Every structure is written in structure tokens, then in C-alpha cells.
Amino acid sequence: MTDPEAVPFDRLCEPYLHRWGPYRLTRDPISATAIRRFCEVAEDGNPVYWDEAYARTTRFGRLIAPPQSLFAMTFGAWWTPDHVRERLEADTAALNEDGGDGGQAAIFALCDRFGFVVNTVAGQEAEYLAPFGPGDGRLKMRSMVTAVTGEKQVRVGTGVFVTSVTEYRTEASDVPVGRSTLVLLRYRPREGAE
């Protein structure tokens, strides 16, 4: 910032920290087919992911998804027919009847206003809290920003580090199955930087 009297960026963001954003729902429920597709890519032959009869004999008592598939299971769909999208939007709206939008959108809008428009993942951690699989319905997730740094000079320009937490829950029983912490560098590129 050029004005020494201006409020530091991290202070501008404080009112928007630690506020859960709205839930988002996956389009499709967790299915044995989706689990197998993930395992094919990962070449993971663990029978608890493939064989329902075997999985019933384990401590899980059912087929489960590999924990690390959580993120793949929550990727947005490339295309959805209008009638399915409308139903998903209605289901999502019902989860968010309080109308709160959290603080993430406001913080990202501030980043944009200050020219911090390039995004780079600086770090991510994941915790897997409970098994999930067919019968749990869709996955629902929500995020909140927990920290924003003041402006920093980094090799690529001037930016801020934004830390957010996303929680993942099952639709059927609202069980938390995972949590991820993401540190995102949002920056304004240096003049002439490639």
C-alpha cells in the first residue's frame, strides 16, 4: 500500500474471519462406481474399497471410499443438465436457510480490489475424520477463512497469504468425514514478472 495512513490489509479482513460460508453439495451421492473409478486411477486394490462381501467383515461393516478420494469426490461436475442443476440448487438453498455467506467472498473481493488476483497454493493439509461410502448420500462442504497476513513482498510480487478451513460432511447423517486447511498466496505480479 502506498498510503502510510491506510488500514493494513490484514486489519481490513478481520471482520470476515472465522465465519462459515454456505454449504455446497456434490451433485451425486457417493457410489461404489465412483469409488472404483478413483481406485483404478490410484491403482489401489484394497478389497474394502472393491468387495462388498469382504467389506462387511471388516471393522467398517460396509464398503468405504479411500480417505484421499474425498477431494476427487467433491470436484464440481463439468456439465449438469438444467433440471438436475435446479434440483441441486434447491437442495443447497435448503441447507443454507440462514442466508449467511461467510467471509470468504468479502476477503476475496478485497484481494481483487487490491490487485491480488493471481492465486498460488502455498500449502495444504488434510485430516480424515471418519469413513464414508455408499449410503451416506452426497457430500456437503463449507469453508471459512481463519487468517490473512499483511502485505508481503514475495519473489513474484506483492501479496497476502489467506488461510482457510473446509469441512466435509455426509448428507445422510451429517457426520464430519474430513477437514482441509489451505494456505493460498494471492498476489499482484511484479512489473515485468513472468
N, C-alpha and C. Protein backbone atom coordinates (compact mmCIF):
# COMPACT_ATOMS: atom_id res chain seq x y z
N MET A 1 0.85 -1.18 0.00
CA MET A 1 0.00 0.00 0.00
C MET A 1 0.89 1.24 0.00
N THR A 2 0.48 2.26 -0.64
CA THR A 2 1.30 3.47 -0.75
C THR A 2 0.95 4.50 0.31
N ASP A 3 -0.25 4.50 0.86
CA ASP A 3 -0.67 5.47 1.85
C ASP A 3 -0.32 4.97 3.25
N PRO A 4 0.64 5.64 3.98
CA PRO A 4 1.03 5.16 5.29
C PRO A 4 -0.10 5.26 6.31
N GLU A 5 -1.12 6.07 6.03
CA GLU A 5 -2.25 6.20 6.95
C GLU A 5 -3.32 5.13 6.71
N ALA A 6 -3.19 4.39 5.63
CA ALA A 6 -4.21 3.41 5.27
C ALA A 6 -4.23 2.25 6.27
N VAL A 7 -5.39 1.63 6.39
CA VAL A 7 -5.54 0.48 7.28
C VAL A 7 -4.82 -0.70 6.65
N PRO A 8 -3.99 -1.43 7.41
CA PRO A 8 -3.30 -2.61 6.85
C PRO A 8 -4.31 -3.64 6.34
N PHE A 9 -3.92 -4.34 5.31
CA PHE A 9 -4.81 -5.28 4.65
C PHE A 9 -5.37 -6.32 5.62
N ASP A 10 -4.52 -6.88 6.48
CA ASP A 10 -5.00 -7.91 7.40
C ASP A 10 -6.06 -7.35 8.36
N ARG A 11 -5.95 -6.10 8.73
CA ARG A 11 -6.95 -5.47 9.61
C ARG A 11 -8.28 -5.29 8.87
N LEU A 12 -8.22 -4.98 7.58
CA LEU A 12 -9.44 -4.86 6.79
C LEU A 12 -10.21 -6.18 6.74
N CYS A 13 -9.48 -7.28 6.80
CA CYS A 13 -10.10 -8.60 6.68
C CYS A 13 -10.66 -9.14 7.99
N GLU A 14 -10.24 -8.58 9.12
CA GLU A 14 -10.61 -9.13 10.42
C GLU A 14 -12.11 -9.36 10.61
N PRO A 15 -12.99 -8.44 10.18
CA PRO A 15 -14.42 -8.68 10.41
C PRO A 15 -14.98 -9.90 9.67
N TYR A 16 -14.25 -10.40 8.70
CA TYR A 16 -14.74 -11.51 7.87
C TYR A 16 -14.12 -12.86 8.24
N LEU A 17 -13.25 -12.87 9.24
CA LEU A 17 -12.60 -14.11 9.64
C LEU A 17 -13.52 -14.96 10.51
N HIS A 18 -13.30 -16.27 10.48
CA HIS A 18 -13.97 -17.24 11.36
C HIS A 18 -15.49 -17.23 11.19
N ARG A 19 -15.94 -17.04 9.96
CA ARG A 19 -17.37 -17.08 9.65
C ARG A 19 -17.60 -18.15 8.59
N TRP A 20 -18.36 -19.18 8.95
CA TRP A 20 -18.63 -20.25 7.99
C TRP A 20 -19.39 -19.70 6.80
N GLY A 21 -18.96 -20.12 5.62
CA GLY A 21 -19.69 -19.82 4.41
C GLY A 21 -20.80 -20.83 4.21
N PRO A 22 -21.56 -20.68 3.15
CA PRO A 22 -22.68 -21.59 2.89
C PRO A 22 -22.19 -23.00 2.53
N TYR A 23 -23.06 -23.95 2.78
CA TYR A 23 -22.77 -25.33 2.36
C TYR A 23 -22.86 -25.43 0.85
N ARG A 24 -22.03 -26.29 0.30
CA ARG A 24 -22.12 -26.70 -1.10
C ARG A 24 -22.33 -28.22 -1.09
N LEU A 25 -23.09 -28.70 -2.01
CA LEU A 25 -23.36 -30.14 -2.12
C LEU A 25 -22.74 -30.70 -3.38
N THR A 26 -22.26 -31.93 -3.30
CA THR A 26 -21.87 -32.61 -4.52
C THR A 26 -23.13 -32.95 -5.31
N ARG A 27 -22.99 -33.06 -6.59
CA ARG A 27 -24.15 -33.36 -7.41
C ARG A 27 -24.63 -34.79 -7.17
N ASP A 28 -23.67 -35.71 -7.03
CA ASP A 28 -24.01 -37.12 -6.97
C ASP A 28 -23.70 -37.73 -5.61
N PRO A 29 -24.50 -38.71 -5.20
CA PRO A 29 -24.18 -39.43 -3.97
C PRO A 29 -22.91 -40.27 -4.15
N ILE A 30 -22.29 -40.60 -3.06
CA ILE A 30 -21.11 -41.48 -3.09
C ILE A 30 -21.59 -42.85 -3.55
N SER A 31 -20.92 -43.40 -4.55
CA SER A 31 -21.34 -44.70 -5.09
C SER A 31 -20.15 -45.64 -5.20
N ALA A 32 -20.46 -46.93 -5.27
CA ALA A 32 -19.41 -47.93 -5.47
C ALA A 32 -18.67 -47.67 -6.78
N THR A 33 -19.39 -47.23 -7.80
CA THR A 33 -18.75 -46.95 -9.09
C THR A 33 -17.74 -45.81 -8.97
N ALA A 34 -18.12 -44.73 -8.29
CA ALA A 34 -17.19 -43.61 -8.11
C ALA A 34 -15.96 -44.04 -7.32
N ILE A 35 -16.16 -44.87 -6.32
CA ILE A 35 -15.04 -45.37 -5.52
C ILE A 35 -14.11 -46.20 -6.40
N ARG A 36 -14.68 -47.08 -7.20
CA ARG A 36 -13.84 -47.92 -8.09
C ARG A 36 -13.09 -47.09 -9.11
N ARG A 37 -13.73 -46.07 -9.65
CA ARG A 37 -13.04 -45.20 -10.62
C ARG A 37 -11.83 -44.53 -9.97
N PHE A 38 -11.99 -44.05 -8.74
CA PHE A 38 -10.86 -43.44 -8.04
C PHE A 38 -9.76 -44.47 -7.81
N CYS A 39 -10.14 -45.66 -7.37
CA CYS A 39 -9.16 -46.72 -7.09
C CYS A 39 -8.44 -47.17 -8.35
N GLU A 40 -9.13 -47.16 -9.49
CA GLU A 40 -8.48 -47.51 -10.76
C GLU A 40 -7.34 -46.54 -11.06
N VAL A 41 -7.61 -45.24 -10.89
CA VAL A 41 -6.59 -44.23 -11.16
C VAL A 41 -5.42 -44.37 -10.19
N ALA A 42 -5.74 -44.62 -8.92
CA ALA A 42 -4.70 -44.74 -7.89
C ALA A 42 -4.06 -46.13 -7.86
N GLU A 43 -4.64 -47.07 -8.64
CA GLU A 43 -4.19 -48.46 -8.64
C GLU A 43 -4.17 -49.01 -7.21
N ASP A 44 -5.29 -48.78 -6.51
CA ASP A 44 -5.45 -49.22 -5.12
C ASP A 44 -6.41 -50.40 -5.11
N GLY A 45 -5.90 -51.58 -4.82
CA GLY A 45 -6.69 -52.79 -4.85
C GLY A 45 -7.22 -53.24 -3.50
N ASN A 46 -7.18 -52.39 -2.49
CA ASN A 46 -7.66 -52.76 -1.16
C ASN A 46 -9.10 -53.28 -1.27
N PRO A 47 -9.37 -54.53 -0.84
CA PRO A 47 -10.71 -55.10 -1.01
C PRO A 47 -11.81 -54.36 -0.24
N VAL A 48 -11.48 -53.59 0.77
CA VAL A 48 -12.52 -52.86 1.50
C VAL A 48 -13.13 -51.76 0.62
N TYR A 49 -12.45 -51.43 -0.48
CA TYR A 49 -12.97 -50.45 -1.44
C TYR A 49 -13.66 -51.13 -2.63
N TRP A 50 -13.43 -52.42 -2.84
CA TRP A 50 -13.90 -53.12 -4.03
C TRP A 50 -14.95 -54.20 -3.77
N ASP A 51 -14.82 -54.91 -2.67
CA ASP A 51 -15.59 -56.14 -2.45
C ASP A 51 -16.56 -55.94 -1.28
N GLU A 52 -17.85 -55.79 -1.61
CA GLU A 52 -18.85 -55.52 -0.57
C GLU A 52 -18.94 -56.65 0.45
N ALA A 53 -18.86 -57.89 0.03
CA ALA A 53 -18.93 -59.02 0.97
C ALA A 53 -17.74 -58.98 1.93
N TYR A 54 -16.55 -58.75 1.40
CA TYR A 54 -15.37 -58.64 2.26
C TYR A 54 -15.49 -57.44 3.21
N ALA A 55 -15.92 -56.31 2.67
CA ALA A 55 -16.00 -55.08 3.47
C ALA A 55 -16.95 -55.25 4.66
N ARG A 56 -18.02 -56.05 4.49
CA ARG A 56 -18.95 -56.29 5.61
C ARG A 56 -18.27 -57.02 6.76
N THR A 57 -17.20 -57.74 6.50
CA THR A 57 -16.50 -58.49 7.57
C THR A 57 -15.46 -57.65 8.29
N THR A 58 -15.22 -56.45 7.84
CA THR A 58 -14.21 -55.58 8.45
C THR A 58 -14.82 -54.72 9.56
N ARG A 59 -13.98 -54.00 10.24
CA ARG A 59 -14.46 -53.10 11.30
C ARG A 59 -15.40 -52.01 10.77
N PHE A 60 -15.36 -51.77 9.45
CA PHE A 60 -16.24 -50.75 8.86
C PHE A 60 -17.64 -51.30 8.62
N GLY A 61 -17.76 -52.59 8.39
CA GLY A 61 -19.05 -53.23 8.19
C GLY A 61 -19.71 -52.91 6.86
N ARG A 62 -18.98 -52.26 5.97
CA ARG A 62 -19.54 -51.87 4.68
C ARG A 62 -18.41 -51.43 3.76
N LEU A 63 -18.75 -51.27 2.50
CA LEU A 63 -17.83 -50.72 1.52
C LEU A 63 -17.56 -49.26 1.87
N ILE A 64 -16.30 -48.86 1.82
CA ILE A 64 -15.96 -47.45 2.08
C ILE A 64 -15.11 -46.90 0.94
N ALA A 65 -14.98 -45.60 0.95
CA ALA A 65 -14.13 -44.92 -0.04
C ALA A 65 -12.76 -44.69 0.57
N PRO A 66 -11.69 -44.69 -0.25
CA PRO A 66 -10.38 -44.32 0.28
C PRO A 66 -10.46 -42.89 0.83
N PRO A 67 -9.88 -42.64 2.00
CA PRO A 67 -9.97 -41.28 2.56
C PRO A 67 -9.47 -40.21 1.58
N GLN A 68 -8.38 -40.49 0.89
CA GLN A 68 -7.81 -39.49 -0.01
C GLN A 68 -8.68 -39.22 -1.23
N SER A 69 -9.75 -39.98 -1.43
CA SER A 69 -10.67 -39.72 -2.53
C SER A 69 -11.63 -38.58 -2.22
N LEU A 70 -11.62 -38.11 -0.98
CA LEU A 70 -12.55 -37.06 -0.55
C LEU A 70 -12.53 -35.87 -1.50
N PHE A 71 -11.34 -35.43 -1.90
CA PHE A 71 -11.25 -34.25 -2.75
C PHE A 71 -11.74 -34.55 -4.16
N ALA A 72 -11.42 -35.71 -4.67
CA ALA A 72 -11.89 -36.09 -6.01
C ALA A 72 -13.41 -36.22 -6.01
N MET A 73 -13.98 -36.71 -4.92
CA MET A 73 -15.43 -36.88 -4.84
C MET A 73 -16.16 -35.54 -4.77
N THR A 74 -15.45 -34.48 -4.39
CA THR A 74 -16.11 -33.18 -4.24
C THR A 74 -15.80 -32.19 -5.36
N PHE A 75 -15.07 -32.62 -6.38
CA PHE A 75 -14.84 -31.75 -7.54
C PHE A 75 -16.18 -31.42 -8.19
N GLY A 76 -16.31 -30.21 -8.68
CA GLY A 76 -17.53 -29.83 -9.39
C GLY A 76 -17.64 -30.59 -10.70
N ALA A 77 -18.87 -30.84 -11.08
CA ALA A 77 -19.13 -31.55 -12.34
C ALA A 77 -18.84 -30.63 -13.52
N TRP A 78 -18.36 -31.20 -14.62
CA TRP A 78 -18.08 -30.41 -15.83
C TRP A 78 -19.35 -29.89 -16.47
N TRP A 79 -20.41 -30.69 -16.41
CA TRP A 79 -21.66 -30.30 -17.03
C TRP A 79 -22.79 -30.99 -16.29
N THR A 80 -23.89 -30.29 -16.14
CA THR A 80 -25.06 -30.84 -15.48
C THR A 80 -26.30 -30.36 -16.22
N PRO A 81 -27.24 -31.24 -16.52
CA PRO A 81 -28.48 -30.80 -17.18
C PRO A 81 -29.21 -29.78 -16.29
N ASP A 82 -29.94 -28.90 -16.93
CA ASP A 82 -30.63 -27.83 -16.20
C ASP A 82 -31.53 -28.37 -15.09
N HIS A 83 -32.30 -29.42 -15.37
CA HIS A 83 -33.25 -29.92 -14.36
C HIS A 83 -32.51 -30.50 -13.15
N VAL A 84 -31.35 -31.09 -13.36
CA VAL A 84 -30.56 -31.62 -12.24
C VAL A 84 -29.90 -30.46 -11.48
N ARG A 85 -29.39 -29.49 -12.21
CA ARG A 85 -28.76 -28.31 -11.58
C ARG A 85 -29.76 -27.55 -10.73
N GLU A 86 -30.99 -27.40 -11.23
CA GLU A 86 -32.03 -26.68 -10.48
C GLU A 86 -32.35 -27.41 -9.18
N ARG A 87 -32.43 -28.73 -9.24
CA ARG A 87 -32.71 -29.52 -8.02
C ARG A 87 -31.54 -29.39 -7.03
N LEU A 88 -30.31 -29.43 -7.53
CA LEU A 88 -29.14 -29.27 -6.67
C LEU A 88 -29.13 -27.90 -6.01
N GLU A 89 -29.47 -26.86 -6.77
CA GLU A 89 -29.54 -25.51 -6.21
C GLU A 89 -30.61 -25.42 -5.14
N ALA A 90 -31.75 -26.06 -5.34
CA ALA A 90 -32.82 -26.05 -4.34
C ALA A 90 -32.38 -26.78 -3.08
N ASP A 91 -31.74 -27.94 -3.24
CA ASP A 91 -31.25 -28.70 -2.09
C ASP A 91 -30.20 -27.90 -1.31
N THR A 92 -29.33 -27.22 -2.05
CA THR A 92 -28.28 -26.41 -1.41
C THR A 92 -28.91 -25.23 -0.67
N ALA A 93 -29.89 -24.58 -1.28
CA ALA A 93 -30.56 -23.45 -0.64
C ALA A 93 -31.23 -23.89 0.67
N ALA A 94 -31.81 -25.09 0.68
CA ALA A 94 -32.45 -25.60 1.90
C ALA A 94 -31.44 -25.79 3.03
N LEU A 95 -30.20 -26.13 2.68
CA LEU A 95 -29.16 -26.28 3.71
C LEU A 95 -28.71 -24.94 4.27
N ASN A 96 -28.93 -23.88 3.50
CA ASN A 96 -28.42 -22.56 3.85
C ASN A 96 -29.53 -21.55 4.11
N GLU A 97 -30.56 -22.00 4.81
CA GLU A 97 -31.71 -21.13 5.03
C GLU A 97 -31.38 -19.89 5.84
N ASP A 98 -30.29 -19.91 6.61
CA ASP A 98 -29.94 -18.74 7.42
C ASP A 98 -29.45 -17.58 6.56
N GLY A 99 -29.08 -17.87 5.30
CA GLY A 99 -28.68 -16.82 4.37
C GLY A 99 -27.27 -16.30 4.57
N GLY A 100 -26.52 -16.80 5.54
CA GLY A 100 -25.17 -16.33 5.77
C GLY A 100 -24.25 -16.72 4.62
N ASP A 101 -23.37 -15.80 4.24
CA ASP A 101 -22.45 -16.12 3.16
C ASP A 101 -21.01 -16.21 3.64
N GLY A 102 -20.81 -16.16 4.96
CA GLY A 102 -19.45 -16.26 5.48
C GLY A 102 -18.63 -15.04 5.09
N GLY A 103 -17.35 -15.13 5.28
CA GLY A 103 -16.49 -14.01 4.98
C GLY A 103 -15.57 -14.20 3.79
N GLN A 104 -15.51 -15.41 3.25
CA GLN A 104 -14.55 -15.70 2.19
C GLN A 104 -14.78 -14.82 0.96
N ALA A 105 -16.02 -14.65 0.56
CA ALA A 105 -16.30 -13.83 -0.63
C ALA A 105 -15.85 -12.39 -0.40
N ALA A 106 -16.08 -11.86 0.80
CA ALA A 106 -15.68 -10.48 1.09
C ALA A 106 -14.16 -10.34 1.09
N ILE A 107 -13.47 -11.33 1.64
CA ILE A 107 -12.00 -11.29 1.67
C ILE A 107 -11.45 -11.38 0.25
N PHE A 108 -12.00 -12.28 -0.56
CA PHE A 108 -11.53 -12.40 -1.94
C PHE A 108 -11.84 -11.13 -2.74
N ALA A 109 -12.97 -10.48 -2.44
CA ALA A 109 -13.28 -9.21 -3.10
C ALA A 109 -12.27 -8.14 -2.71
N LEU A 110 -11.85 -8.12 -1.45
CA LEU A 110 -10.81 -7.18 -1.02
C LEU A 110 -9.50 -7.48 -1.74
N CYS A 111 -9.17 -8.76 -1.85
CA CYS A 111 -7.95 -9.14 -2.59
C CYS A 111 -8.01 -8.60 -4.02
N ASP A 112 -9.13 -8.79 -4.66
CA ASP A 112 -9.29 -8.30 -6.03
C ASP A 112 -9.12 -6.79 -6.09
N ARG A 113 -9.74 -6.10 -5.13
CA ARG A 113 -9.67 -4.63 -5.12
C ARG A 113 -8.23 -4.13 -4.97
N PHE A 114 -7.41 -4.88 -4.21
CA PHE A 114 -6.02 -4.51 -4.01
C PHE A 114 -5.10 -5.05 -5.10
N GLY A 115 -5.69 -5.74 -6.08
CA GLY A 115 -4.90 -6.26 -7.19
C GLY A 115 -4.26 -7.61 -6.93
N PHE A 116 -4.62 -8.28 -5.83
CA PHE A 116 -4.08 -9.61 -5.53
C PHE A 116 -4.95 -10.64 -6.25
N VAL A 117 -4.73 -10.77 -7.54
CA VAL A 117 -5.64 -11.56 -8.38
C VAL A 117 -5.02 -12.87 -8.88
N VAL A 118 -3.74 -13.06 -8.65
CA VAL A 118 -3.11 -14.32 -9.04
C VAL A 118 -3.08 -15.22 -7.80
N ASN A 119 -3.46 -16.49 -7.98
CA ASN A 119 -3.57 -17.43 -6.86
C ASN A 119 -2.55 -18.55 -7.01
N THR A 120 -1.87 -18.85 -5.92
CA THR A 120 -0.96 -19.98 -5.87
C THR A 120 -1.17 -20.70 -4.55
N VAL A 121 -1.33 -22.02 -4.60
CA VAL A 121 -1.44 -22.79 -3.36
C VAL A 121 -0.07 -22.84 -2.71
N ALA A 122 0.02 -22.34 -1.49
CA ALA A 122 1.28 -22.34 -0.75
C ALA A 122 1.39 -23.56 0.15
N GLY A 123 0.27 -24.16 0.50
CA GLY A 123 0.30 -25.36 1.34
C GLY A 123 -1.10 -25.87 1.59
N GLN A 124 -1.19 -27.17 1.86
CA GLN A 124 -2.49 -27.76 2.20
C GLN A 124 -2.26 -28.96 3.10
N GLU A 125 -3.10 -29.10 4.09
CA GLU A 125 -3.11 -30.26 4.98
C GLU A 125 -4.52 -30.82 4.98
N ALA A 126 -4.61 -32.13 5.15
CA ALA A 126 -5.93 -32.77 5.21
C ALA A 126 -5.98 -33.68 6.42
N GLU A 127 -7.15 -33.71 7.04
CA GLU A 127 -7.43 -34.64 8.14
C GLU A 127 -8.62 -35.48 7.71
N TYR A 128 -8.54 -36.76 7.94
CA TYR A 128 -9.65 -37.65 7.63
C TYR A 128 -10.24 -38.09 8.96
N LEU A 129 -11.51 -37.81 9.18
CA LEU A 129 -12.11 -37.95 10.49
C LEU A 129 -12.96 -39.21 10.65
N ALA A 130 -13.60 -39.66 9.58
CA ALA A 130 -14.47 -40.83 9.66
C ALA A 130 -14.60 -41.43 8.27
N PRO A 131 -14.85 -42.76 8.21
CA PRO A 131 -15.04 -43.37 6.90
C PRO A 131 -16.37 -42.91 6.27
N PHE A 132 -16.41 -42.95 4.95
CA PHE A 132 -17.62 -42.60 4.22
C PHE A 132 -17.72 -43.52 3.02
N GLY A 133 -18.93 -43.68 2.51
CA GLY A 133 -19.12 -44.56 1.36
C GLY A 133 -20.56 -44.58 0.91
N PRO A 134 -20.91 -45.57 0.08
CA PRO A 134 -22.28 -45.68 -0.40
C PRO A 134 -23.25 -45.72 0.78
N GLY A 135 -24.38 -45.05 0.64
CA GLY A 135 -25.36 -44.97 1.71
C GLY A 135 -25.27 -43.67 2.50
N ASP A 136 -24.18 -42.94 2.33
CA ASP A 136 -24.01 -41.67 3.03
C ASP A 136 -24.59 -40.49 2.26
N GLY A 137 -25.13 -40.75 1.07
CA GLY A 137 -25.68 -39.67 0.26
C GLY A 137 -24.57 -38.85 -0.38
N ARG A 138 -24.87 -37.60 -0.60
CA ARG A 138 -23.87 -36.71 -1.18
C ARG A 138 -22.95 -36.19 -0.09
N LEU A 139 -21.89 -35.54 -0.49
CA LEU A 139 -21.01 -34.87 0.46
C LEU A 139 -21.37 -33.39 0.48
N LYS A 140 -21.31 -32.79 1.63
CA LYS A 140 -21.54 -31.35 1.73
C LYS A 140 -20.31 -30.73 2.38
N MET A 141 -19.97 -29.53 1.93
CA MET A 141 -18.79 -28.87 2.47
C MET A 141 -19.07 -27.40 2.67
N ARG A 142 -18.32 -26.82 3.61
CA ARG A 142 -18.39 -25.39 3.83
C ARG A 142 -17.01 -24.94 4.27
N SER A 143 -16.72 -23.65 4.05
CA SER A 143 -15.38 -23.12 4.30
C SER A 143 -15.45 -21.83 5.11
N MET A 144 -14.35 -21.54 5.77
CA MET A 144 -14.18 -20.24 6.43
C MET A 144 -12.72 -19.84 6.34
N VAL A 145 -12.49 -18.54 6.26
CA VAL A 145 -11.13 -18.01 6.29
C VAL A 145 -10.77 -17.82 7.76
N THR A 146 -9.61 -18.33 8.15
CA THR A 146 -9.18 -18.23 9.55
C THR A 146 -8.05 -17.24 9.76
N ALA A 147 -7.32 -16.87 8.71
CA ALA A 147 -6.22 -15.92 8.86
C ALA A 147 -5.88 -15.29 7.52
N VAL A 148 -5.48 -14.02 7.59
CA VAL A 148 -4.96 -13.30 6.42
C VAL A 148 -3.76 -12.50 6.92
N THR A 149 -2.67 -12.61 6.22
CA THR A 149 -1.48 -11.85 6.61
C THR A 149 -1.57 -10.42 6.08
N GLY A 150 -0.69 -9.58 6.59
CA GLY A 150 -0.49 -8.28 5.99
C GLY A 150 0.22 -8.47 4.66
N GLU A 151 0.35 -7.39 3.92
CA GLU A 151 1.03 -7.46 2.63
C GLU A 151 2.47 -7.90 2.81
N LYS A 152 2.93 -8.75 1.91
CA LYS A 152 4.29 -9.28 1.94
C LYS A 152 4.90 -9.12 0.55
N GLN A 153 6.18 -8.84 0.53
CA GLN A 153 6.92 -8.85 -0.73
C GLN A 153 7.43 -10.28 -0.92
N VAL A 154 6.99 -10.90 -1.99
CA VAL A 154 7.47 -12.24 -2.33
C VAL A 154 8.16 -12.15 -3.68
N ARG A 155 8.83 -13.22 -4.04
CA ARG A 155 9.62 -13.20 -5.27
C ARG A 155 8.82 -12.77 -6.49
N VAL A 156 7.56 -13.18 -6.53
CA VAL A 156 6.74 -12.91 -7.73
C VAL A 156 6.00 -11.58 -7.68
N GLY A 157 6.00 -10.91 -6.53
CA GLY A 157 5.30 -9.63 -6.42
C GLY A 157 4.93 -9.32 -4.99
N THR A 158 3.82 -8.61 -4.82
CA THR A 158 3.30 -8.26 -3.50
C THR A 158 2.02 -9.04 -3.29
N GLY A 159 1.89 -9.64 -2.10
CA GLY A 159 0.70 -10.43 -1.88
C GLY A 159 0.39 -10.66 -0.42
N VAL A 160 -0.63 -11.46 -0.21
CA VAL A 160 -1.07 -11.85 1.12
C VAL A 160 -1.30 -13.36 1.13
N PHE A 161 -1.14 -13.95 2.30
CA PHE A 161 -1.43 -15.37 2.47
C PHE A 161 -2.79 -15.49 3.16
N VAL A 162 -3.68 -16.25 2.54
CA VAL A 162 -5.04 -16.44 3.06
C VAL A 162 -5.17 -17.91 3.47
N THR A 163 -5.47 -18.13 4.75
CA THR A 163 -5.64 -19.49 5.26
C THR A 163 -7.12 -19.76 5.45
N SER A 164 -7.59 -20.86 4.88
CA SER A 164 -8.99 -21.23 5.03
C SER A 164 -9.10 -22.70 5.44
N VAL A 165 -10.21 -23.00 6.10
CA VAL A 165 -10.52 -24.36 6.53
C VAL A 165 -11.80 -24.77 5.83
N THR A 166 -11.81 -25.98 5.29
CA THR A 166 -13.03 -26.54 4.69
C THR A 166 -13.37 -27.81 5.44
N GLU A 167 -14.62 -27.95 5.83
CA GLU A 167 -15.06 -29.19 6.46
C GLU A 167 -15.96 -29.94 5.49
N TYR A 168 -15.90 -31.25 5.57
CA TYR A 168 -16.65 -32.14 4.69
C TYR A 168 -17.53 -33.03 5.56
N ARG A 169 -18.81 -33.13 5.22
CA ARG A 169 -19.77 -33.93 5.99
C ARG A 169 -20.61 -34.80 5.05
N THR A 170 -21.15 -35.85 5.61
CA THR A 170 -22.08 -36.67 4.84
C THR A 170 -23.45 -36.02 4.85
N GLU A 171 -24.18 -36.21 3.77
CA GLU A 171 -25.53 -35.65 3.69
C GLU A 171 -26.49 -36.44 4.57
N ALA A 172 -26.38 -37.76 4.55
CA ALA A 172 -27.36 -38.61 5.22
C ALA A 172 -27.37 -38.44 6.74
N SER A 173 -26.21 -38.39 7.36
CA SER A 173 -26.17 -38.33 8.83
C SER A 173 -25.40 -37.14 9.37
N ASP A 174 -24.96 -36.25 8.51
CA ASP A 174 -24.25 -35.04 8.92
C ASP A 174 -22.98 -35.35 9.73
N VAL A 175 -22.34 -36.46 9.42
CA VAL A 175 -21.11 -36.85 10.11
C VAL A 175 -19.93 -36.14 9.46
N PRO A 176 -19.07 -35.48 10.26
CA PRO A 176 -17.86 -34.90 9.67
C PRO A 176 -16.89 -36.00 9.25
N VAL A 177 -16.49 -35.98 7.98
CA VAL A 177 -15.59 -37.02 7.48
C VAL A 177 -14.20 -36.50 7.14
N GLY A 178 -14.05 -35.18 7.04
CA GLY A 178 -12.73 -34.64 6.72
C GLY A 178 -12.67 -33.14 6.92
N ARG A 179 -11.44 -32.67 6.97
CA ARG A 179 -11.19 -31.23 7.12
C ARG A 179 -9.89 -30.93 6.40
N SER A 180 -9.88 -29.85 5.65
CA SER A 180 -8.64 -29.45 5.00
C SER A 180 -8.33 -28.01 5.34
N THR A 181 -7.04 -27.73 5.44
CA THR A 181 -6.56 -26.38 5.67
C THR A 181 -5.73 -25.99 4.46
N LEU A 182 -6.10 -24.89 3.83
CA LEU A 182 -5.45 -24.44 2.61
C LEU A 182 -4.83 -23.08 2.86
N VAL A 183 -3.57 -22.92 2.47
CA VAL A 183 -2.91 -21.62 2.50
C VAL A 183 -2.72 -21.19 1.06
N LEU A 184 -3.34 -20.08 0.72
CA LEU A 184 -3.34 -19.57 -0.64
C LEU A 184 -2.57 -18.26 -0.67
N LEU A 185 -1.60 -18.15 -1.57
CA LEU A 185 -0.93 -16.87 -1.81
C LEU A 185 -1.71 -16.17 -2.90
N ARG A 186 -2.26 -15.00 -2.57
CA ARG A 186 -2.91 -14.16 -3.58
C ARG A 186 -2.00 -12.96 -3.76
N TYR A 187 -1.58 -12.71 -5.00
CA TYR A 187 -0.59 -11.66 -5.19
C TYR A 187 -0.82 -10.83 -6.45
N ARG A 188 -0.17 -9.68 -6.44
CA ARG A 188 -0.11 -8.77 -7.57
C ARG A 188 1.27 -8.95 -8.18
N PRO A 189 1.37 -9.43 -9.42
CA PRO A 189 2.69 -9.71 -10.01
C PRO A 189 3.56 -8.44 -10.10
N ARG A 190 4.85 -8.64 -9.92
CA ARG A 190 5.81 -7.57 -10.12
C ARG A 190 5.77 -7.12 -11.56
N GLU A 191 6.04 -5.87 -11.80
CA GLU A 191 6.14 -5.38 -13.18
C GLU A 191 7.21 -6.18 -13.91
N GLY A 192 6.88 -6.68 -15.06
CA GLY A 192 7.84 -7.44 -15.86
C GLY A 192 8.04 -8.87 -15.41
N ALA A 193 7.33 -9.30 -14.33
CA ALA A 193 7.48 -10.69 -13.88
C ALA A 193 6.79 -11.61 -14.86
N GLU A 194 7.37 -12.79 -15.05
CA GLU A 194 6.77 -13.76 -15.96
C GLU A 194 5.96 -14.77 -15.20
